[in-house]
Protein backbone atom coordinates (compact mmCIF):
# COMPACT_ATOMS: atom_id res chain seq x y z
CA UNK A 1 -35.23 4.36 6.33
CA UNK A 2 -34.58 1.82 3.53
CA UNK A 3 -37.80 0.08 2.43
CA UNK A 4 -36.08 -3.32 2.69
CA UNK A 5 -35.41 -2.71 6.39
CA UNK A 6 -39.00 -1.57 7.00
CA UNK A 7 -40.36 -4.61 5.15
CA UNK A 8 -38.14 -6.93 7.17
CA UNK A 9 -39.27 -5.33 10.44
CA UNK A 10 -42.96 -5.83 9.63
CA UNK A 11 -42.65 -9.50 8.72
CA UNK A 12 -44.35 -11.99 11.02
CA UNK A 13 -41.41 -14.35 10.73
CA UNK A 14 -37.78 -13.35 10.54
CA UNK A 15 -35.52 -15.86 8.87
CA UNK A 16 -32.14 -16.08 10.56
CA UNK A 17 -29.02 -15.52 8.50
CA UNK A 18 -25.27 -15.33 8.99
CA UNK A 19 -23.33 -12.30 7.84
CA UNK A 20 -20.12 -14.32 7.90
CA UNK A 21 -20.25 -18.02 6.88
CA UNK A 22 -18.65 -20.66 9.05
CA UNK A 23 -15.01 -21.45 8.30
CA UNK A 24 -14.95 -24.00 5.44
CA UNK A 25 -12.40 -26.68 4.70
CA UNK A 26 -9.32 -25.43 2.87
CA UNK A 27 -9.17 -26.16 -0.84
CA UNK A 28 -5.98 -27.35 -2.48
CA UNK A 29 -5.36 -24.09 -4.34
CA UNK A 30 -6.55 -20.50 -4.69
CA UNK A 31 -5.97 -17.76 -7.23
CA UNK A 32 -5.28 -15.30 -4.40
CA UNK A 33 -4.37 -15.96 -0.78
CA UNK A 34 -4.76 -12.98 1.55
CA UNK A 35 -2.89 -13.27 4.84
CA UNK A 36 -4.71 -11.23 7.46
CA UNK A 37 -8.43 -11.08 8.17
CA UNK A 38 -8.50 -7.47 9.32
CA UNK A 39 -9.95 -4.46 7.56
CA UNK A 40 -7.29 -4.23 4.85
CA UNK A 41 -7.35 -7.91 3.92
CA UNK A 42 -11.14 -8.06 3.86
CA UNK A 43 -11.40 -4.84 1.84
CA UNK A 44 -8.97 -6.24 -0.73
CA UNK A 45 -11.02 -9.44 -0.92
CA UNK A 46 -14.18 -7.39 -1.46
CA UNK A 47 -12.73 -5.30 -4.29
CA UNK A 48 -11.08 -8.30 -5.95
CA UNK A 49 -14.38 -10.20 -5.99
CA UNK A 50 -16.77 -7.31 -6.57
CA UNK A 51 -14.83 -5.15 -9.03
CA UNK A 52 -12.31 -7.48 -10.69
CA UNK A 53 -14.28 -10.71 -10.74
CA UNK A 54 -11.60 -12.75 -8.95
CA UNK A 55 -13.45 -14.99 -6.49
CA UNK A 56 -11.25 -18.01 -5.86
CA UNK A 57 -9.78 -16.27 -2.80
CA UNK A 58 -8.87 -17.44 0.68
CA UNK A 59 -8.55 -14.93 3.53
CA UNK A 60 -6.44 -16.48 6.29
CA UNK A 61 -6.81 -15.09 9.80
CA UNK A 62 -4.69 -16.36 12.69
CA UNK A 63 -7.29 -15.40 15.30
CA UNK A 64 -10.84 -14.21 14.84
CA UNK A 65 -12.18 -11.88 12.19
CA UNK A 66 -10.88 -8.30 12.60
CA UNK A 67 -9.56 -9.11 16.06
CA UNK A 68 -6.14 -7.51 15.62
CA UNK A 69 -5.41 -3.82 15.10
CA UNK A 70 -8.78 -3.36 13.40
CA UNK A 71 -10.39 -3.94 16.79
CA UNK A 72 -7.78 -1.89 18.67
CA UNK A 73 -7.84 1.55 17.08
CA UNK A 74 -9.68 4.76 17.90
CA UNK A 75 -11.65 4.89 14.61
CA UNK A 76 -10.31 8.26 13.42
CA UNK A 77 -10.61 9.04 9.69
CA UNK A 78 -8.80 12.01 8.15
CA UNK A 79 -6.60 13.22 5.29
CA UNK A 80 -4.73 16.17 6.86
CA UNK A 81 -1.26 14.83 6.19
CA UNK A 82 1.95 16.65 5.28
CA UNK A 83 3.15 15.37 1.89
CA UNK A 84 1.18 15.69 -1.33
CA UNK A 85 1.42 11.95 -2.01
CA UNK A 86 -0.05 11.01 1.37
CA UNK A 87 -2.81 13.62 1.24
CA UNK A 88 -3.99 12.35 -2.16
CA UNK A 89 -4.03 8.79 -0.91
CA UNK A 90 -5.90 9.43 2.35
CA UNK A 91 -8.28 11.86 0.64
CA UNK A 92 -9.43 8.98 -1.56
CA UNK A 93 -9.89 6.94 1.61
CA UNK A 94 -12.14 9.59 3.17
CA UNK A 95 -14.23 9.73 0.00
CA UNK A 96 -14.72 5.96 0.10
CA UNK A 97 -15.83 6.14 3.72
CA UNK A 98 -18.42 8.77 2.77
CA UNK A 99 -20.27 6.30 0.54
CA UNK A 100 -19.33 3.06 2.28
CA UNK A 101 -22.62 2.38 4.10
CA UNK A 102 -24.56 2.81 0.86
CA UNK A 103 -22.05 0.84 -1.23
CA UNK A 104 -22.01 -2.10 1.17
CA UNK A 105 -25.62 -1.91 2.30
CA UNK A 106 -24.15 -2.16 5.79
CA UNK A 107 -24.24 0.67 8.31
CA UNK A 108 -20.63 1.50 9.28
CA UNK A 109 -21.82 4.48 11.37
CA UNK A 110 -19.63 6.99 9.53
CA UNK A 111 -19.80 10.41 11.21
CA UNK A 112 -17.99 13.25 9.45
CA UNK A 113 -17.78 15.63 12.39
CA UNK A 114 -14.44 17.34 11.68
CA UNK A 115 -11.10 17.33 13.47
CA UNK A 116 -9.49 20.23 15.35
CA UNK A 117 -5.77 20.06 16.09
CA UNK A 118 -4.67 22.64 18.68
CA UNK A 119 -1.71 25.01 18.34
CA UNK A 120 0.03 25.98 21.58
CA UNK A 121 2.81 28.09 20.01
CA UNK A 122 3.51 30.44 17.12
CA UNK A 123 5.82 27.83 15.61
CA UNK A 124 2.99 25.29 15.52
CA UNK A 125 0.69 27.82 13.88
CA UNK A 126 3.29 28.44 11.15
CA UNK A 127 3.52 24.71 10.48
CA UNK A 128 -0.29 24.54 10.37
CA UNK A 129 -0.37 27.17 7.62
CA UNK A 130 1.97 25.01 5.55
CA UNK A 131 -0.19 21.93 6.08
CA UNK A 132 -3.36 23.88 5.29
CA UNK A 133 -1.97 25.18 2.01
CA UNK A 134 -0.80 21.72 0.97
CA UNK A 135 -4.20 20.25 1.85
CA UNK A 136 -6.05 22.92 -0.11
CA UNK A 137 -3.78 22.32 -3.09
CA UNK A 138 -4.82 18.66 -3.14
CA UNK A 139 -8.50 19.42 -2.48
CA UNK A 140 -9.13 18.68 1.19
CA UNK A 141 -11.21 20.88 3.46
CA UNK A 142 -8.64 22.28 5.87
CA UNK A 143 -7.86 25.71 7.30
CA UNK A 144 -6.07 27.48 10.13
CA UNK A 145 -8.49 29.01 12.66
CA UNK A 146 -8.05 31.55 15.46
CA UNK A 147 -8.78 31.18 19.18
CA UNK A 148 -12.32 32.54 18.85
CA UNK A 149 -13.17 29.90 16.23
CA UNK A 150 -11.61 27.21 18.42
CA UNK A 151 -13.92 28.31 21.24
CA UNK A 152 -16.94 28.20 18.94
CA UNK A 153 -16.04 24.72 17.67
CA UNK A 154 -15.42 23.36 21.18
CA UNK A 155 -17.06 25.56 23.87
CA UNK A 156 -16.07 23.26 26.76
CA UNK A 157 -12.35 23.31 25.98
CA UNK A 158 -9.88 24.74 28.50
CA UNK A 159 -7.98 27.38 26.50
CA UNK A 160 -5.39 27.75 29.31
CA UNK A 161 -4.98 31.45 28.56
CA UNK A 162 -1.65 32.62 29.92
CA UNK A 163 -0.65 29.09 30.88
CA UNK A 164 2.00 26.67 29.68
CA UNK A 165 -0.33 25.10 27.11
CA UNK A 166 -2.26 28.19 26.02
CA UNK A 167 -4.35 27.55 22.91
CA UNK A 168 -3.29 30.04 20.23
CA UNK A 169 -5.34 28.66 17.34
CA UNK A 170 -5.88 25.42 15.52
CA UNK A 171 -5.98 23.42 12.31
CA UNK A 172 -9.58 22.67 11.37
CA UNK A 173 -10.08 19.66 9.09
CA UNK A 174 -13.77 19.50 8.13
CA UNK A 175 -13.34 16.14 6.35
CA UNK A 176 -12.30 14.34 9.54
CA UNK A 177 -14.62 11.82 11.13
CA UNK A 178 -15.09 8.38 12.66
CA UNK A 179 -16.64 5.05 11.72
CA UNK A 180 -17.43 1.82 13.54
CA UNK A 181 -14.27 -0.25 13.03
CA UNK A 182 -15.77 -3.73 13.34
CA UNK A 183 -18.73 -2.78 11.14
CA UNK A 184 -16.30 -1.79 8.37
CA UNK A 185 -14.64 -5.21 8.55
CA UNK A 186 -17.94 -7.10 8.77
CA UNK A 187 -19.42 -5.18 5.84
CA UNK A 188 -16.49 -6.06 3.60
CA UNK A 189 -16.43 -9.66 4.86
CA UNK A 190 -20.16 -10.15 4.28
CA UNK A 191 -20.09 -8.97 0.68
CA UNK A 192 -16.85 -10.77 -0.16
CA UNK A 193 -18.19 -14.07 1.20
CA UNK A 194 -21.42 -13.62 -0.78
CA UNK A 195 -19.27 -13.55 -3.90
CA UNK A 196 -17.50 -16.78 -3.07
CA UNK A 197 -14.51 -15.56 -1.07
CA UNK A 198 -13.59 -18.02 1.68
CA UNK A 199 -12.78 -16.58 5.11
CA UNK A 200 -10.70 -18.94 7.24
CA UNK A 201 -10.54 -17.96 10.90
CA UNK A 202 -8.14 -19.67 13.34
CA UNK A 203 -5.87 -20.38 10.39
CA UNK A 204 -2.27 -19.43 11.08
CA UNK A 205 0.35 -19.12 8.35
CA UNK A 206 3.44 -21.08 9.40
CA UNK A 207 5.64 -20.77 6.31
CA UNK A 208 5.95 -20.64 2.53
CA UNK A 209 7.20 -22.81 -0.28
CA UNK A 210 9.19 -20.84 -2.86
CA UNK A 211 10.36 -21.65 -6.37
CA UNK A 212 12.88 -19.03 -7.42
CA UNK A 213 11.37 -15.58 -6.93
CA UNK A 214 7.78 -16.81 -6.52
CA UNK A 215 5.74 -18.22 -3.66
CA UNK A 216 4.06 -21.42 -4.82
CA UNK A 217 2.44 -22.63 -1.58
CA UNK A 218 1.35 -21.19 1.76
CA UNK A 219 1.77 -23.42 4.81
CA UNK A 220 -0.84 -23.17 7.57
CA UNK A 221 -1.76 -24.99 10.77
CA UNK A 222 -4.59 -26.59 8.77
CA UNK A 223 -2.57 -27.70 5.77
CA UNK A 224 -0.63 -26.40 2.77
CA UNK A 225 -2.35 -24.63 -0.12
CA UNK A 226 -1.16 -23.56 -3.57
CA UNK A 227 -1.39 -19.84 -4.30
CA UNK A 228 -1.31 -17.89 -7.54
CA UNK A 229 -0.90 -14.52 -5.81
CA UNK A 230 -0.29 -13.69 -2.13
CA UNK A 231 -1.16 -10.47 -0.29
CA UNK A 232 0.25 -9.81 3.17
CA UNK A 233 -1.74 -7.48 5.49
CA UNK A 234 -1.16 -8.61 9.07
CA UNK A 235 -0.68 -5.41 11.09
CA UNK A 236 1.88 -5.73 13.87
CA UNK A 237 3.00 -9.16 12.62
CA UNK A 238 4.07 -7.94 9.17
CA UNK A 239 7.77 -8.18 9.91
CA UNK A 240 7.48 -11.78 11.14
CA UNK A 241 5.33 -13.01 8.27
CA UNK A 242 7.52 -11.33 5.64
CA UNK A 243 10.61 -12.92 7.21
CA UNK A 244 9.07 -16.38 6.65
CA UNK A 245 8.95 -15.52 2.95
CA UNK A 246 12.57 -14.35 3.03
CA UNK A 247 11.72 -10.64 2.89
CA UNK A 248 13.33 -8.18 5.30
CA UNK A 249 11.18 -5.13 6.03
CA UNK A 250 12.33 -1.82 7.60
CA UNK A 251 9.74 -2.10 10.36
CA UNK A 252 9.84 -1.77 14.13
CA UNK A 253 6.87 -2.48 16.40
CA UNK A 254 5.62 -0.22 19.20
CA UNK A 255 2.53 -0.54 21.41
CA UNK A 256 -0.16 2.10 20.90
CA UNK A 257 -2.54 2.46 23.83
CA UNK A 258 -5.97 4.02 24.23
CA UNK A 259 -8.86 3.98 26.69
CA UNK A 260 -12.53 4.96 27.06
CA UNK A 261 -14.57 6.48 29.85
CA UNK A 262 -18.01 5.64 31.11
CA UNK A 263 -20.82 6.97 28.87
CA UNK A 264 -21.65 10.67 29.25
CA UNK A 265 -24.23 12.98 27.76
CA UNK A 266 -23.00 14.38 24.42
CA UNK A 267 -20.65 17.35 24.86
CA UNK A 268 -17.91 16.80 22.27
CA UNK A 269 -19.16 17.07 18.68
CA UNK A 270 -15.73 17.06 17.03
CA UNK A 271 -12.44 15.19 17.22
CA UNK A 272 -9.90 17.24 19.16
CA UNK A 273 -6.19 16.71 19.58
CA UNK A 274 -3.08 18.32 21.03
CA UNK A 275 0.42 17.37 19.91
CA UNK A 276 1.87 19.25 22.90
CA UNK A 277 -0.09 17.06 25.30
CA UNK A 278 0.23 13.93 23.12
CA UNK A 279 -3.50 13.41 23.56
CA UNK A 280 -6.62 13.31 21.43
CA UNK A 281 -10.28 12.79 22.32
CA UNK A 282 -13.52 11.93 20.57
CA UNK A 283 -16.92 11.04 22.00
CA UNK A 284 -18.47 7.88 20.60
CA UNK A 285 -22.10 7.36 19.63
CA UNK A 286 -22.56 5.55 22.96
CA UNK A 287 -21.33 8.57 24.91
CA UNK A 288 -17.95 7.12 25.84
CA UNK A 289 -14.99 9.48 25.57
CA UNK A 290 -12.26 7.75 23.57
CA UNK A 291 -8.80 8.96 24.62
CA UNK A 292 -5.63 8.20 22.68
CA UNK A 293 -2.10 9.50 22.27
CA UNK A 294 1.32 8.73 20.88
CA UNK A 295 2.99 5.34 20.71
CA UNK A 296 4.91 3.95 23.65
CA UNK A 297 8.63 4.89 23.50
CA UNK A 298 9.94 1.31 23.45
CA UNK A 299 9.83 -1.53 20.94
CA UNK A 300 7.49 -4.35 21.92
CA UNK A 301 5.12 -6.62 20.01
CA UNK A 302 2.51 -6.67 22.78
CA UNK A 303 -1.09 -5.59 23.32
CA UNK A 304 -0.73 -5.11 27.06
CA UNK A 305 -1.81 -1.83 28.66
CA UNK A 306 0.21 0.05 31.26
CA UNK A 307 -0.43 2.33 34.21
CA UNK A 308 2.12 4.86 32.94
CA UNK A 309 0.27 5.40 29.68
CA UNK A 310 -3.10 5.55 31.43
CA UNK A 311 -1.80 8.30 33.71
CA UNK A 312 -0.32 10.16 30.75
CA UNK A 313 -3.52 10.02 28.70
CA UNK A 314 -5.62 11.02 31.70
CA UNK A 315 -3.35 13.99 32.40
CA UNK A 316 -3.73 15.31 28.86
CA UNK A 317 -7.48 14.76 28.80
CA UNK A 318 -7.96 16.52 32.13
CA UNK A 319 -5.92 19.50 31.00
CA UNK A 320 -8.19 19.95 27.98
CA UNK A 321 -11.43 19.14 29.84
CA UNK A 322 -10.92 19.57 33.63
CA UNK A 323 -14.57 18.68 34.40
CA UNK A 324 -13.79 15.04 33.51
CA UNK A 325 -11.81 14.58 36.75
CA UNK A 326 -14.38 12.33 38.44
CA UNK A 327 -15.34 10.33 35.35
CA UNK A 328 -14.55 6.61 35.57
CA UNK A 329 -12.57 4.66 32.99
CA UNK A 330 -14.18 1.56 31.49
CA UNK A 331 -11.47 0.00 29.31
CA UNK A 332 -7.85 0.37 28.31
CA UNK A 333 -6.18 -1.50 25.45
CA UNK A 334 -3.22 -1.52 23.08
CA UNK A 335 -2.48 -2.35 19.46
CA UNK A 336 0.82 -3.21 17.78
CA UNK A 337 1.96 -0.51 15.36
CA UNK A 338 4.39 -1.54 12.61
CA UNK A 339 6.38 1.66 12.10
CA UNK A 340 8.62 2.49 9.15
CA UNK A 341 11.51 5.01 9.32
CA UNK A 342 9.50 7.70 7.49
CA UNK A 343 6.17 6.94 9.20
CA UNK A 344 4.54 6.07 5.88
CA UNK A 345 3.19 2.65 4.80
CA UNK A 346 4.70 0.14 2.40
CA UNK A 347 2.33 -0.89 -0.40
CA UNK A 348 2.78 -2.72 -3.66
CA UNK A 349 5.47 -5.06 -4.92
CA UNK A 350 7.92 -7.10 -2.87
CA UNK A 351 11.18 -8.73 -4.01
CA UNK A 352 9.05 -11.76 -4.97
CA UNK A 353 7.07 -11.72 -8.22
CA UNK A 354 3.68 -12.77 -6.82
CA UNK A 355 3.94 -11.56 -3.23
CA UNK A 356 2.35 -8.17 -2.47
CA UNK A 357 2.79 -5.96 0.61
CA UNK A 358 0.26 -3.90 2.56
CA UNK A 359 2.15 -3.04 5.73
CA UNK A 360 4.06 -0.44 7.76
CA UNK A 361 0.91 1.41 8.75
CA UNK A 362 1.97 2.50 12.19
CA UNK A 363 -0.95 4.53 13.55
CA UNK A 364 -2.64 5.19 10.18
CA UNK A 365 -4.11 1.80 9.35
CA UNK A 366 -7.86 2.08 9.99
CA UNK A 367 -8.41 5.31 8.06
CA UNK A 368 -6.75 3.77 5.00
CA UNK A 369 -8.87 0.59 5.02
CA UNK A 370 -11.03 1.20 1.92
CA UNK A 371 -8.42 2.88 -0.27
CA UNK A 372 -5.71 0.35 0.60
CA UNK A 373 -8.10 -2.52 -0.16
CA UNK A 374 -9.26 -0.96 -3.40
CA UNK A 375 -5.79 -0.11 -4.70
CA UNK A 376 -4.13 -3.35 -3.61
CA UNK A 377 -6.93 -5.29 -5.32
CA UNK A 378 -6.26 -3.29 -8.49
CA UNK A 379 -2.55 -4.07 -8.17
CA UNK A 380 -3.11 -7.81 -7.78
CA UNK A 381 -5.70 -8.02 -10.56
CA UNK A 382 -3.64 -6.09 -13.11
CA UNK A 383 -0.12 -6.96 -11.99
CA UNK A 384 0.71 -3.25 -12.07
CA UNK A 385 1.05 -0.79 -9.19
CA UNK A 386 -1.23 2.24 -9.70
CA UNK A 387 0.29 5.72 -9.59
CA UNK A 388 -1.26 6.58 -6.23
CA UNK A 389 0.65 3.69 -4.59
CA UNK A 390 4.02 4.14 -6.29
CA UNK A 391 5.39 6.63 -3.70
CA UNK A 392 4.87 3.96 -1.00
CA UNK A 393 7.02 1.33 -2.73
CA UNK A 394 9.43 -0.69 -0.57
CA UNK A 395 12.34 0.37 -2.80
CA UNK A 396 12.08 3.99 -1.63
CA UNK A 397 14.29 3.05 1.31
CA UNK A 398 17.08 2.08 -1.11
CA UNK A 399 16.81 5.30 -3.09
CA UNK A 400 16.08 7.51 -0.03
CA UNK A 401 12.90 8.83 -1.67
CA UNK A 402 11.20 8.95 1.73
CA UNK A 403 7.79 10.39 2.67
CA UNK A 404 8.27 12.02 6.05
CA UNK A 405 4.95 11.93 7.94
CA UNK A 406 6.45 11.86 11.44
CA UNK A 407 4.57 14.93 12.64
CA UNK A 408 1.32 14.22 10.82
CA UNK A 409 -0.45 12.38 13.61
CA UNK A 410 -2.76 14.34 15.83
CA UNK A 411 -0.84 13.39 18.97
CA UNK A 412 2.67 13.18 17.47
CA UNK A 413 5.09 10.30 18.07
């Protein structure tokens, strides 16, 4: 236990404090305006102020802090992707999560429990060997395991021996884990605000003023402000916000739904997923079983939940763990995923000189929070895109230098 926490607990009087200051009045101008008060925007604000010394920053959030996709994910963290460029990027993200609680002095409840992706066919096993070798090449902890090891990792799993979804092995990713999504956002917000960053909730961007190939002002429902640099990180609204700046993005939006059960005694130590069943499960620190799957098959910018998806997720979960059949559901929700054609994000420069993009995350956004914030802050501060971000440039769609990560998600798309 940290001595500061023990000292605070033994005090006779406990002075109240606010982690996040109240929304201030907008100033006339800022060196950097960050559109989007979710994990990515707040992480960028933290690294700009803490590492690069840029503190005249406004973070503009349409709703409440981290109330968008940051609050609507299933908290999975991993780096078991398919292309070398993506693995290197997400590996750096995992490493930042490993030290985040200590770096921020804020408990983000990071739990590196490992992820097991099930193989139900010989073809899937062959693809797992390819992914394992690529991961090992880059330095991640990943390996193909047999049925006996699957049983040891998850004793309660239904192996369905001889059935349609017989488990024939798996891809074990020891670096996989989870973290508390809102704690990540609050930790970054707290430290950024302590360094002078202004966080403006209930502040909606309504347009931009451009001069040539630069954005000079950002229009909001609370007034117009001058901006030296602008970073866009608004989740499912990325296409709409970019369009206001005159930028067309290759993005389509799909709902992504998930749900949780009532709390149960701990039985699932790892993250487990099945692409065949389009389902993945993880048990939270409160005992709830978090159940997620693939995106809905239709375009819609909506956070509504549906009975069809609930039935689908329940079917997959019950196949893997039949004893859950009488467990009650507590909540069901949806986020808006901004998908690109190659299922990889868009980061770095835009067609405008001082307008930077952090978008197209689809279902990968939360796990990339620290590395996207760190690298986008570096980009803004230096005016140069670092090597690790260059493969994710918007211009790859013109040159067809795509990064195909379509099959990289645990539950497929």
